[in-house]
Amino acid sequence: MKLKKIVAVTGLFLTAVLLNAQETIKKKDSVIAIKPEKKEPLFEVKFSGFIRHDAVFDSRQTVDVREAAVVLWGKDVDFDANGKDRNSASKFQMLNVLSRAGVKVNAPDVLGAKTVGFLEGDFFGNAEGGINEFRLRHAYITLDWKKSQLGIGQFWHPLTIPEMFPGVVNFSGGAPYMPYNRNPQIRFTQKLNTHFNLMIAAVSQRDFTSNTAPYRNSSIPSGHVQVNYKNKDVLVGLAGHFEQIRPKTGSGLTNDFSNERVNSVSVMAYGRFETKPMTIKAEAMYGENATSFIMLGGYVGYTPASGPGLETYSTMATQSFWIDLTGKTKKIIPGFFAGFSQNDGATNPISGKAVAYGFSNMVGGIAASGNTTTRTINYIYRLAPRIEVPIKNLKFGLEAEYSAAEWGNADNSGRAVSNLNLIGTWRVVFATVLKF
């Protein structure tokens, strides 16, 4: 009996609680509904990218990467027994590997800073045999305060300035006339006042070199400093970059321990100007060991002609200049790019067997008198008119590009001094891009 009373009382209590939970709160003849509390999402994720198709014709064989998706310069002459140039053969292909996708993540504020992450990749591959494979382009975190920004991760090299990209149709952009690279880095940008900004950065090397070991073995990052002035119509700046590499830990006839280094300094001035009829962009650069920027250059190693001795090094100097004009019409947008770059050779050549190193040597373009192939380039130039037709998110682009390179037999500084040939080549690109 006692148990039945307890069960009955408990049942009545639970029924009262449930009925009370279903009631609304009445106050001043109005009914206030009880609503669940809304919570803001911790992260905001936005996807972006584009699908791109390229149809490309080249009038002769070229020095390039990824099946000529990025062209650098025309190949030197290669005569057969009958005096016919094998490299005069033309070529054509279509590619979609330049399509890319990215994600931007707006995260909760950290240390009072707006926190954003950006991750992007494409199908370009990290090596010639890896074309069509997905590769990392950017993996970058920024913390933004009112007057400063801290950036950490892989992003455009500080000399590769997004606001300064020429509007060319060719995927190579301004390369090999402008520095083109993405690097792991830590950079800090400070607004000095309304228009002036200062940036300092510590930079490492990953994808844009034939061998990362010399950069890692230097045991120190590259250093960068840059200042610019920016308003609504003008962007001008000056940048300086210092880099030290340790090419080998052992060299010479008996592979003795080596702590020989290559020190390089690069300086760049740039400007972008908005006028009523067009946008004008231009850069001028003096670069040392500029090969990691997909430019002419590198460094030269010197080994004693006879007897023991370590390989010592001298950086190569490169001058480069370019200008880009883009019209401000709406339906059909005209544009024109012109670039010139010169290989000045080793800054301090010495006696001994001279061998050039770097990306430009690996693909074919820079050499010294001791390389297996001793043909090298003195200078290159490019002229490229274009038109683009944007229709909502779709854009068609057509560009005719003429490039020339002076090839010759190299001396011990990496300059061409004899048997010179000026090689010209045409490239026609038709690109279709759908952005999302």
Protein backbone atom coordinates (compact mmCIF):
# COMPACT_ATOMS: atom_id res chain seq x y z
CA MET A 1 0.00 0.00 0.00
CA LYS A 2 2.73 2.35 0.96
CA LEU A 3 4.53 1.63 -2.34
CA LYS A 4 1.38 2.37 -4.34
CA LYS A 5 1.04 5.78 -2.62
CA ILE A 6 4.65 6.66 -3.44
CA VAL A 7 4.15 5.72 -7.11
CA ALA A 8 0.92 7.72 -7.30
CA VAL A 9 2.47 10.82 -5.74
CA THR A 10 5.49 10.58 -8.06
CA GLY A 11 3.23 10.26 -11.12
CA LEU A 12 1.21 13.34 -10.11
CA PHE A 13 4.42 15.35 -9.59
CA LEU A 14 5.83 14.46 -13.03
CA THR A 15 2.49 15.27 -14.70
CA ALA A 16 2.47 18.70 -13.06
CA VAL A 17 6.02 19.39 -14.23
CA LEU A 18 5.20 18.43 -17.85
CA LEU A 19 2.03 20.54 -17.90
CA ASN A 20 3.90 23.51 -16.46
CA ALA A 21 6.62 23.21 -19.13
CA GLN A 22 3.99 23.55 -21.89
CA GLU A 23 2.52 26.78 -20.53
CA THR A 24 3.47 30.20 -21.83
CA ILE A 25 4.40 33.12 -19.72
CA LYS A 26 1.67 35.73 -19.45
CA LYS A 27 2.59 39.29 -18.62
CA LYS A 28 0.55 42.51 -18.99
CA ASP A 29 -2.05 40.78 -21.18
CA SER A 30 0.64 39.80 -23.71
CA VAL A 31 2.05 36.39 -24.48
CA ILE A 32 5.85 35.99 -24.57
CA ALA A 33 7.05 32.80 -26.26
CA ILE A 34 10.11 31.09 -24.87
CA LYS A 35 12.67 30.88 -27.72
CA PRO A 36 15.96 29.01 -27.78
CA GLU A 37 19.11 31.16 -27.65
CA LYS A 38 20.80 31.66 -31.04
CA LYS A 39 24.54 30.96 -31.30
CA GLU A 40 26.75 32.53 -33.94
CA PRO A 41 28.89 30.05 -35.92
CA LEU A 42 32.50 29.91 -34.80
CA PHE A 43 33.84 29.65 -38.36
CA GLU A 44 32.70 31.11 -41.69
CA VAL A 45 33.88 29.13 -44.73
CA LYS A 46 33.88 30.46 -48.31
CA PHE A 47 34.91 28.50 -51.39
CA SER A 48 36.42 30.06 -54.52
CA GLY A 49 38.42 29.17 -57.62
CA PHE A 50 38.03 28.75 -61.35
CA ILE A 51 37.83 26.21 -64.15
CA ARG A 52 40.30 27.08 -66.91
CA HIS A 53 40.89 25.75 -70.42
CA ASP A 54 43.94 26.77 -72.48
CA ALA A 55 44.54 26.21 -76.20
CA VAL A 56 48.17 27.04 -77.06
CA PHE A 57 50.22 27.21 -80.27
CA ASP A 58 54.01 27.71 -80.30
CA SER A 59 55.89 28.46 -83.51
CA ARG A 60 59.00 26.54 -82.31
CA GLN A 61 60.21 24.36 -79.43
CA THR A 62 60.45 26.21 -76.13
CA VAL A 63 62.09 25.97 -72.73
CA ASP A 64 59.08 25.51 -70.47
CA VAL A 65 57.54 23.57 -67.59
CA ARG A 66 54.48 21.29 -67.28
CA GLU A 67 54.04 20.50 -70.97
CA ALA A 68 54.55 24.16 -71.90
CA ALA A 69 51.80 25.45 -69.58
CA VAL A 70 54.45 27.98 -68.50
CA VAL A 71 56.84 29.06 -71.27
CA LEU A 72 60.14 30.78 -70.50
CA TRP A 73 62.03 31.31 -73.79
CA GLY A 74 62.63 29.70 -77.17
CA LYS A 75 65.13 26.81 -77.40
CA ASP A 76 68.52 27.35 -78.98
CA VAL A 77 69.17 26.08 -82.51
CA ASP A 78 69.89 22.35 -82.85
CA PHE A 79 71.09 21.57 -86.38
CA ASP A 80 71.05 18.10 -87.90
CA ALA A 81 73.58 16.79 -90.45
CA ASN A 82 71.69 18.57 -93.24
CA GLY A 83 71.75 21.93 -91.49
CA LYS A 84 68.06 21.88 -90.49
CA ASP A 85 67.10 23.16 -87.03
CA ARG A 86 65.28 20.43 -85.10
CA ASN A 87 63.91 23.00 -82.65
CA SER A 88 62.16 24.94 -85.42
CA ALA A 89 59.24 22.47 -85.20
CA SER A 90 55.97 24.04 -84.04
CA LYS A 91 53.57 22.53 -81.47
CA PHE A 92 49.97 22.78 -80.23
CA GLN A 93 48.08 21.50 -77.22
CA MET A 94 45.13 22.07 -74.88
CA LEU A 95 45.32 21.94 -71.07
CA ASN A 96 43.01 22.17 -68.05
CA VAL A 97 45.59 21.63 -65.29
CA LEU A 98 45.57 25.33 -64.39
CA SER A 99 42.10 25.03 -62.84
CA ARG A 100 42.16 25.64 -59.10
CA ALA A 101 40.08 25.63 -55.92
CA GLY A 102 40.49 27.39 -52.61
CA VAL A 103 38.80 27.90 -49.27
CA LYS A 104 38.84 30.97 -47.03
CA VAL A 105 38.10 30.50 -43.33
CA ASN A 106 37.08 33.40 -41.09
CA ALA A 107 37.87 32.23 -37.56
CA PRO A 108 37.11 33.74 -34.13
CA ASP A 109 39.31 36.68 -33.16
CA VAL A 110 42.64 35.79 -31.56
CA LEU A 111 44.56 38.26 -29.36
CA GLY A 112 42.17 40.97 -30.50
CA ALA A 113 42.97 40.33 -34.18
CA LYS A 114 40.70 39.32 -37.02
CA THR A 115 41.87 35.80 -37.90
CA VAL A 116 41.64 34.41 -41.43
CA GLY A 117 43.03 31.25 -43.07
CA PHE A 118 43.41 30.60 -46.79
CA LEU A 119 44.05 27.21 -48.42
CA GLU A 120 44.37 26.78 -52.20
CA GLY A 121 45.58 24.19 -54.68
CA ASP A 122 45.52 23.32 -58.38
CA PHE A 123 46.34 20.42 -60.71
CA PHE A 124 49.67 21.75 -61.96
CA GLY A 125 51.72 19.17 -60.05
CA ASN A 126 55.00 19.73 -58.22
CA ALA A 127 57.21 18.12 -60.86
CA GLU A 128 57.17 17.57 -64.61
CA GLY A 129 56.06 13.97 -64.17
CA GLY A 130 53.34 15.00 -61.72
CA ILE A 131 51.19 17.10 -64.05
CA ASN A 132 47.44 16.66 -63.33
CA GLU A 133 48.25 15.91 -59.67
CA PHE A 134 46.79 18.19 -57.01
CA ARG A 135 49.40 20.47 -55.39
CA LEU A 136 49.46 23.05 -52.63
CA ARG A 137 49.62 26.70 -53.71
CA HIS A 138 48.72 28.64 -50.57
CA ALA A 139 48.33 27.70 -46.90
CA TYR A 140 48.33 31.05 -45.11
CA ILE A 141 47.08 32.47 -41.82
CA THR A 142 46.68 36.20 -41.16
CA LEU A 143 46.02 38.06 -37.93
CA ASP A 144 44.83 41.63 -38.57
CA TRP A 145 44.90 44.39 -36.01
CA LYS A 146 43.93 48.01 -36.67
CA LYS A 147 47.36 49.06 -37.93
CA SER A 148 49.32 45.84 -38.33
CA GLN A 149 49.13 42.35 -39.79
CA LEU A 150 50.98 39.11 -39.01
CA GLY A 151 51.06 36.50 -41.78
CA ILE A 152 52.27 32.91 -41.30
CA GLY A 153 52.38 30.09 -43.86
CA GLN A 154 52.93 29.56 -47.57
CA PHE A 155 51.98 32.54 -49.70
CA TRP A 156 53.34 34.71 -52.50
CA HIS A 157 56.96 35.72 -51.99
CA PRO A 158 57.15 39.37 -50.79
CA LEU A 159 58.67 40.29 -54.20
CA THR A 160 55.66 38.67 -55.94
CA ILE A 161 53.04 41.33 -55.23
CA PRO A 162 49.41 40.39 -56.10
CA GLU A 163 48.44 44.02 -56.80
CA MET A 164 51.25 44.16 -59.37
CA PHE A 165 50.41 41.09 -61.44
CA PRO A 166 50.32 41.96 -65.15
CA GLY A 167 47.03 41.19 -66.86
CA VAL A 168 48.49 38.76 -69.42
CA VAL A 169 46.47 35.79 -70.68
CA ASN A 170 49.46 33.45 -70.59
CA PHE A 171 49.52 31.56 -67.28
CA SER A 172 53.22 32.32 -66.73
CA GLY A 173 52.15 35.85 -65.82
CA GLY A 174 55.13 38.16 -65.96
CA ALA A 175 57.70 35.36 -65.53
CA PRO A 176 60.59 35.27 -66.35
CA TYR A 177 60.61 39.10 -66.24
CA MET A 178 59.02 39.51 -62.81
CA PRO A 179 59.87 37.50 -59.67
CA TYR A 180 57.37 34.64 -59.39
CA ASN A 181 57.44 32.45 -56.30
CA ARG A 182 55.42 31.14 -53.36
CA ASN A 183 57.25 30.45 -50.10
CA PRO A 184 56.75 29.37 -46.49
CA GLN A 185 57.27 32.59 -44.52
CA ILE A 186 56.54 34.77 -41.53
CA ARG A 187 55.83 38.39 -42.42
CA PHE A 188 54.80 41.44 -40.43
CA THR A 189 53.22 44.52 -42.02
CA GLN A 190 52.83 47.83 -40.20
CA LYS A 191 50.79 50.84 -41.31
CA LEU A 192 53.07 53.81 -40.69
CA ASN A 193 50.30 56.31 -41.49
CA THR A 194 47.34 56.65 -43.85
CA HIS A 195 49.38 55.87 -46.98
CA PHE A 196 52.78 54.38 -46.02
CA ASN A 197 53.31 50.72 -45.08
CA LEU A 198 56.39 48.81 -43.89
CA MET A 199 56.83 45.05 -44.26
CA ILE A 200 59.54 42.74 -42.91
CA ALA A 201 59.67 39.00 -43.53
CA ALA A 202 61.63 35.82 -42.90
CA VAL A 203 61.33 33.52 -45.92
CA SER A 204 62.15 29.88 -46.66
CA GLN A 205 62.24 27.96 -49.95
CA ARG A 206 60.13 25.05 -51.11
CA ASP A 207 58.76 24.58 -54.63
CA PHE A 208 60.52 26.99 -57.01
CA THR A 209 64.01 25.53 -57.09
CA SER A 210 65.70 22.46 -58.51
CA ASN A 211 67.14 21.60 -55.08
CA THR A 212 66.00 22.82 -51.65
CA ALA A 213 69.05 21.44 -49.78
CA PRO A 214 71.28 24.54 -50.31
CA TYR A 215 68.56 26.72 -48.76
CA ARG A 216 67.95 24.39 -45.81
CA ASN A 217 71.66 23.85 -45.18
CA SER A 218 72.30 27.58 -44.86
CA SER A 219 70.55 27.27 -41.46
CA ILE A 220 69.07 30.78 -41.71
CA PRO A 221 65.97 32.12 -43.51
CA SER A 222 66.09 34.76 -46.20
CA GLY A 223 65.39 38.30 -45.02
CA HIS A 224 63.11 40.85 -46.68
CA VAL A 225 62.19 44.49 -46.09
CA GLN A 226 59.73 46.55 -48.14
CA VAL A 227 58.11 49.97 -47.93
CA ASN A 228 55.29 51.29 -50.11
CA TYR A 229 53.00 54.25 -50.60
CA LYS A 230 49.38 53.57 -51.52
CA ASN A 231 46.30 55.64 -52.25
CA LYS A 232 43.23 55.19 -54.46
CA ASP A 233 45.10 55.72 -57.74
CA VAL A 234 48.79 55.06 -56.97
CA LEU A 235 50.87 52.25 -55.53
CA VAL A 236 54.68 52.68 -55.48
CA GLY A 237 57.23 50.74 -53.48
CA LEU A 238 60.82 49.70 -52.90
CA ALA A 239 61.89 46.23 -51.74
CA GLY A 240 65.17 44.62 -50.67
CA HIS A 241 65.87 40.91 -50.25
CA PHE A 242 68.90 39.10 -48.75
CA GLU A 243 69.49 35.38 -49.20
CA GLN A 244 72.30 33.03 -48.19
CA ILE A 245 72.65 29.43 -49.37
CA ARG A 246 75.16 26.67 -48.70
CA PRO A 247 75.35 24.76 -52.01
CA LYS A 248 77.26 21.72 -50.73
CA THR A 249 78.41 20.26 -47.41
CA GLY A 250 81.28 18.49 -49.19
CA SER A 251 83.16 19.32 -52.41
CA GLY A 252 86.48 18.98 -54.25
CA LEU A 253 88.26 15.91 -55.54
CA THR A 254 88.06 14.14 -52.18
CA ASN A 255 84.65 15.54 -51.16
CA ASP A 256 86.07 17.45 -48.20
CA PHE A 257 83.83 19.22 -45.69
CA SER A 258 82.67 22.55 -47.10
CA ASN A 259 81.10 25.57 -45.47
CA GLU A 260 81.27 27.76 -48.60
CA ARG A 261 78.29 30.11 -48.94
CA VAL A 262 76.59 32.21 -51.62
CA ASN A 263 75.28 35.60 -50.47
CA SER A 264 72.78 37.38 -52.71
CA VAL A 265 71.07 40.76 -52.56
CA SER A 266 68.10 41.75 -54.74
CA VAL A 267 66.43 45.17 -55.04
CA MET A 268 63.13 45.98 -56.76
CA ALA A 269 61.16 49.17 -57.45
CA TYR A 270 57.54 48.99 -58.58
CA GLY A 271 54.55 51.14 -59.40
CA ARG A 272 50.87 50.90 -60.36
CA PHE A 273 48.95 53.90 -61.64
CA GLU A 274 45.21 54.18 -62.26
CA THR A 275 44.30 56.60 -65.06
CA LYS A 276 40.95 57.19 -66.72
CA PRO A 277 41.67 55.14 -69.87
CA MET A 278 43.95 52.41 -68.42
CA THR A 279 45.85 50.79 -65.56
CA ILE A 280 49.65 51.03 -65.82
CA LYS A 281 51.95 48.64 -63.94
CA ALA A 282 55.76 48.49 -64.09
CA GLU A 283 58.70 46.96 -62.24
CA ALA A 284 62.50 47.26 -62.35
CA MET A 285 64.68 44.72 -60.56
CA TYR A 286 68.34 43.97 -59.92
CA GLY A 287 68.53 40.38 -58.75
CA GLU A 288 71.32 38.10 -57.55
CA ASN A 289 70.78 34.32 -57.76
CA ALA A 290 67.33 35.12 -59.12
CA THR A 291 66.80 31.60 -60.43
CA SER A 292 64.34 30.67 -57.65
CA PHE A 293 62.08 33.48 -58.94
CA ILE A 294 61.80 31.70 -62.33
CA MET A 295 64.14 34.30 -63.86
CA LEU A 296 67.50 34.28 -65.60
CA GLY A 297 70.41 33.78 -63.23
CA GLY A 298 71.76 31.41 -60.60
CA TYR A 299 75.27 31.05 -59.29
CA VAL A 300 78.60 29.68 -60.56
CA GLY A 301 80.84 27.21 -58.74
CA TYR A 302 84.61 27.27 -59.31
CA THR A 303 86.82 24.23 -58.73
CA PRO A 304 90.64 24.33 -59.05
CA ALA A 305 91.71 23.09 -62.49
CA SER A 306 94.20 20.68 -60.92
CA GLY A 307 94.88 19.36 -57.44
CA PRO A 308 92.73 19.46 -54.31
CA GLY A 309 90.57 22.37 -53.30
CA LEU A 310 86.99 23.20 -52.38
CA GLU A 311 84.43 24.51 -54.85
CA THR A 312 83.89 28.23 -54.23
CA TYR A 313 80.97 30.29 -55.53
CA SER A 314 79.93 33.58 -57.07
CA THR A 315 76.34 34.74 -57.42
CA MET A 316 75.06 35.74 -60.88
CA ALA A 317 73.42 39.13 -61.44
CA THR A 318 70.24 39.74 -63.43
CA GLN A 319 68.56 42.94 -64.59
CA SER A 320 64.86 42.86 -65.42
CA PHE A 321 62.24 45.41 -66.49
CA TRP A 322 58.59 45.14 -67.53
CA ILE A 323 55.49 47.26 -68.14
CA ASP A 324 51.84 46.28 -68.54
CA LEU A 325 48.91 48.35 -69.85
CA THR A 326 45.27 47.31 -69.34
CA GLY A 327 42.34 49.24 -70.80
CA LYS A 328 39.26 50.15 -68.76
CA THR A 329 36.65 49.36 -71.38
CA LYS A 330 33.86 46.96 -70.37
CA LYS A 331 32.93 44.63 -73.23
CA ILE A 332 36.32 44.12 -74.87
CA ILE A 333 39.39 44.87 -72.72
CA PRO A 334 42.68 45.45 -74.57
CA GLY A 335 46.10 45.06 -72.99
CA PHE A 336 49.81 45.00 -73.76
CA PHE A 337 52.84 43.58 -71.96
CA ALA A 338 56.54 44.25 -72.67
CA GLY A 339 59.48 42.80 -70.76
CA PHE A 340 63.28 42.71 -70.98
CA SER A 341 65.81 40.80 -68.88
CA GLN A 342 69.60 40.53 -69.05
CA ASN A 343 72.04 38.01 -67.62
CA ASP A 344 75.07 39.93 -66.28
CA GLY A 345 76.94 36.77 -65.27
CA ALA A 346 78.89 36.02 -62.10
CA THR A 347 79.65 39.10 -60.02
CA ASN A 348 83.12 37.84 -59.04
CA PRO A 349 84.40 35.17 -61.47
CA ILE A 350 87.64 33.38 -60.61
CA SER A 351 89.92 30.88 -62.32
CA GLY A 352 89.18 27.16 -62.39
CA LYS A 353 86.46 24.95 -63.82
CA ALA A 354 83.25 27.01 -63.88
CA VAL A 355 79.85 25.30 -63.49
CA ALA A 356 76.51 27.17 -63.33
CA TYR A 357 73.77 26.02 -60.93
CA GLY A 358 70.09 26.77 -60.43
CA PHE A 359 66.65 26.30 -61.93
CA SER A 360 67.58 28.19 -65.11
CA ASN A 361 70.47 25.78 -65.67
CA MET A 362 68.33 22.72 -64.97
CA VAL A 363 65.65 23.60 -67.54
CA GLY A 364 68.13 25.01 -70.07
CA GLY A 365 69.03 28.68 -70.33
CA ILE A 366 71.99 29.46 -68.09
CA ALA A 367 75.40 27.73 -68.23
CA ALA A 368 79.12 28.39 -67.71
CA SER A 369 82.19 27.18 -69.57
CA GLY A 370 82.49 24.03 -67.43
CA ASN A 371 78.92 22.76 -67.78
CA THR A 372 78.20 19.74 -69.96
CA THR A 373 76.15 22.05 -72.17
CA THR A 374 77.88 25.41 -72.47
CA ARG A 375 75.17 27.36 -74.30
CA THR A 376 73.81 30.26 -72.24
CA ILE A 377 71.51 33.27 -72.65
CA ASN A 378 72.63 36.91 -72.63
CA TYR A 379 69.21 38.56 -72.74
CA ILE A 380 65.53 37.93 -73.44
CA TYR A 381 62.57 40.13 -74.32
CA ARG A 382 58.82 39.72 -74.85
CA LEU A 383 56.03 41.71 -76.56
CA ALA A 384 52.46 40.51 -75.96
CA PRO A 385 49.25 42.30 -77.06
CA ARG A 386 45.96 40.81 -75.84
CA ILE A 387 42.18 41.19 -75.67
CA GLU A 388 39.77 39.84 -73.06
CA VAL A 389 35.98 39.52 -73.17
CA PRO A 390 34.31 39.16 -69.74
CA ILE A 391 30.69 37.93 -69.60
CA LYS A 392 29.48 37.71 -65.99
CA ASN A 393 31.62 34.98 -64.36
CA LEU A 394 32.99 33.78 -67.70
CA LYS A 395 35.99 35.32 -69.45
CA PHE A 396 37.61 34.67 -72.84
CA GLY A 397 41.18 35.78 -73.50
CA LEU A 398 43.32 35.86 -76.65
CA GLU A 399 47.01 36.78 -76.65
CA ALA A 400 49.76 36.80 -79.27
CA GLU A 401 53.18 36.74 -77.66
CA TYR A 402 56.55 37.25 -79.37
CA SER A 403 59.63 36.30 -77.35
CA ALA A 404 63.32 36.40 -78.25
CA ALA A 405 66.49 35.08 -76.57
CA GLU A 406 70.15 35.62 -77.47
CA TRP A 407 72.05 32.33 -77.07
CA GLY A 408 75.82 31.86 -77.22
CA ASN A 409 78.84 29.96 -75.91
CA ALA A 410 79.46 30.73 -72.24
CA ASP A 411 82.59 32.04 -70.56
CA ASN A 412 83.48 31.32 -66.93
CA SER A 413 81.04 33.98 -65.69
CA GLY A 414 78.02 32.48 -67.48
CA ARG A 415 77.82 35.20 -70.15
CA ALA A 416 77.56 34.34 -73.86
CA VAL A 417 80.68 35.56 -75.67
CA SER A 418 80.78 33.76 -79.04
CA ASN A 419 78.65 31.99 -81.67
CA LEU A 420 75.66 34.18 -80.82
CA ASN A 421 72.14 33.42 -82.12
CA LEU A 422 69.00 35.50 -81.55
CA ILE A 423 66.09 33.04 -81.37
CA GLY A 424 62.54 34.34 -81.79
CA THR A 425 59.29 32.46 -81.18
CA TRP A 426 55.55 33.17 -81.33
CA ARG A 427 53.00 31.86 -78.84
CA VAL A 428 49.23 32.26 -79.33
CA VAL A 429 47.02 31.51 -76.30
CA PHE A 430 43.24 31.24 -76.19
CA ALA A 431 41.98 30.87 -72.60
CA THR A 432 38.48 30.33 -71.21
CA VAL A 433 37.97 30.89 -67.48
CA LEU A 434 34.85 30.34 -65.35
CA LYS A 435 35.20 31.82 -61.86
CA PHE A 436 33.24 30.69 -58.83
